[in-house]
Amino acid sequence: MGEPVSRHIKRGELVTREIAGETLIVPVSGNVADLESIYTLNEVGGVIWSLLDGQHNDDQIVDAVCAEFDVERDRAQADVAALLASLREAGLIERAP
């Protein structure tokens, strides 16, 4: 029996905007945007970000990246795992319960 597939959710108050094919993420605390901590995601990262809703598991996110960008599954898995680790480290996401 394999390890269960995890799901992730966005954490805290965040403002997200799509501009020129990039996704900008700005943490907000106390109704003030932290402009020192703006995160920018490319098009692939934006697709991944949009699926971090606690409903899509990591495998489904990899499938979506493969379908959208015609990339091999191994590469998509590595890229998704790396981005999720970075987003967790930055405190922008957490594993869904």
Protein backbone atom coordinates (compact mmCIF):
# COMPACT_ATOMS: atom_id res chain seq x y z
CA MET A 1 0.00 0.00 0.00
CA GLY A 2 1.49 3.35 -1.06
CA GLU A 3 1.80 6.58 0.83
CA PRO A 4 -1.37 8.69 0.70
CA VAL A 5 -1.29 11.56 -1.77
CA SER A 6 -1.30 14.93 -0.04
CA ARG A 7 -3.40 17.99 -0.70
CA HIS A 8 -2.43 21.58 -0.02
CA ILE A 9 -4.26 24.77 0.83
CA LYS A 10 -3.28 28.42 0.77
CA ARG A 11 -2.45 29.85 4.13
CA GLY A 12 -3.16 33.21 5.70
CA GLU A 13 -4.42 36.31 4.01
CA LEU A 14 -3.02 36.63 0.51
CA VAL A 15 -3.76 38.89 -2.43
CA THR A 16 -3.20 37.22 -5.78
CA ARG A 17 -3.15 38.93 -9.18
CA GLU A 18 -2.36 37.68 -12.66
CA ILE A 19 -0.34 40.16 -14.71
CA ALA A 20 1.26 39.49 -18.10
CA GLY A 21 1.24 35.71 -17.69
CA GLU A 22 2.67 35.80 -14.16
CA THR A 23 0.93 35.30 -10.83
CA LEU A 24 1.81 37.77 -8.10
CA ILE A 25 1.20 36.78 -4.48
CA VAL A 26 1.27 39.40 -1.73
CA PRO A 27 0.84 38.40 1.93
CA VAL A 28 -1.46 40.73 3.88
CA SER A 29 -1.31 41.23 7.61
CA GLY A 30 -3.44 43.62 9.58
CA ASN A 31 -5.03 44.96 6.35
CA VAL A 32 -1.58 46.01 5.11
CA ALA A 33 0.16 44.37 2.16
CA ASP A 34 3.72 43.24 2.85
CA LEU A 35 5.35 44.69 -0.27
CA GLU A 36 8.74 43.37 0.89
CA SER A 37 7.39 39.82 0.41
CA ILE A 38 5.92 39.73 -3.08
CA TYR A 39 6.13 36.33 -4.73
CA THR A 40 6.06 35.90 -8.50
CA LEU A 41 5.09 32.66 -10.24
CA ASN A 42 5.50 31.92 -13.94
CA GLU A 43 2.68 30.44 -16.01
CA VAL A 44 3.29 26.88 -14.75
CA GLY A 45 3.46 28.09 -11.15
CA GLY A 46 0.21 30.00 -11.68
CA VAL A 47 -1.57 26.83 -12.78
CA ILE A 48 -0.24 24.99 -9.75
CA TRP A 49 -1.25 27.88 -7.45
CA SER A 50 -4.78 27.90 -8.84
CA LEU A 51 -5.19 24.23 -7.90
CA LEU A 52 -4.06 24.58 -4.27
CA ASP A 53 -7.59 24.51 -2.92
CA GLY A 54 -7.51 21.42 -0.73
CA GLN A 55 -9.64 19.59 -3.29
CA HIS A 56 -6.93 18.70 -5.81
CA ASN A 57 -4.28 16.28 -4.61
CA ASP A 58 -0.66 16.50 -5.70
CA ASP A 59 -1.11 13.81 -8.38
CA GLN A 60 -4.04 15.71 -9.90
CA ILE A 61 -1.92 18.86 -9.99
CA VAL A 62 0.86 16.94 -11.78
CA ASP A 63 -1.72 15.62 -14.27
CA ALA A 64 -2.96 19.17 -14.93
CA VAL A 65 0.58 20.44 -15.53
CA CYS A 66 1.26 17.55 -17.94
CA ALA A 67 -1.95 18.25 -19.86
CA GLU A 68 -1.50 22.01 -20.01
CA PHE A 69 2.21 22.14 -20.87
CA ASP A 70 2.93 18.86 -22.67
CA VAL A 71 5.70 17.89 -20.26
CA GLU A 72 6.77 14.41 -19.19
CA ARG A 73 5.30 13.21 -15.91
CA ASP A 74 8.65 12.73 -14.15
CA ARG A 75 9.65 16.31 -14.90
CA ALA A 76 6.22 17.64 -13.86
CA GLN A 77 6.36 15.70 -10.58
CA ALA A 78 9.79 17.12 -9.77
CA ASP A 79 8.73 20.66 -10.65
CA VAL A 80 5.47 20.47 -8.67
CA ALA A 81 7.27 18.99 -5.64
CA ALA A 82 9.94 21.72 -5.76
CA LEU A 83 7.39 24.53 -6.00
CA LEU A 84 5.24 23.08 -3.21
CA ALA A 85 8.31 22.82 -0.97
CA SER A 86 9.22 26.45 -1.71
CA LEU A 87 5.68 27.66 -1.04
CA ARG A 88 5.55 25.71 2.25
CA GLU A 89 8.93 27.14 3.28
CA ALA A 90 7.67 30.67 2.54
CA GLY A 91 4.60 29.98 4.69
CA LEU A 92 2.17 30.47 1.80
CA ILE A 93 0.66 26.97 1.85
CA GLU A 94 0.22 24.04 4.19
CA ARG A 95 -0.89 20.46 3.88
CA ALA A 96 -4.66 20.16 4.00
CA PRO A 97 -6.07 18.18 6.94
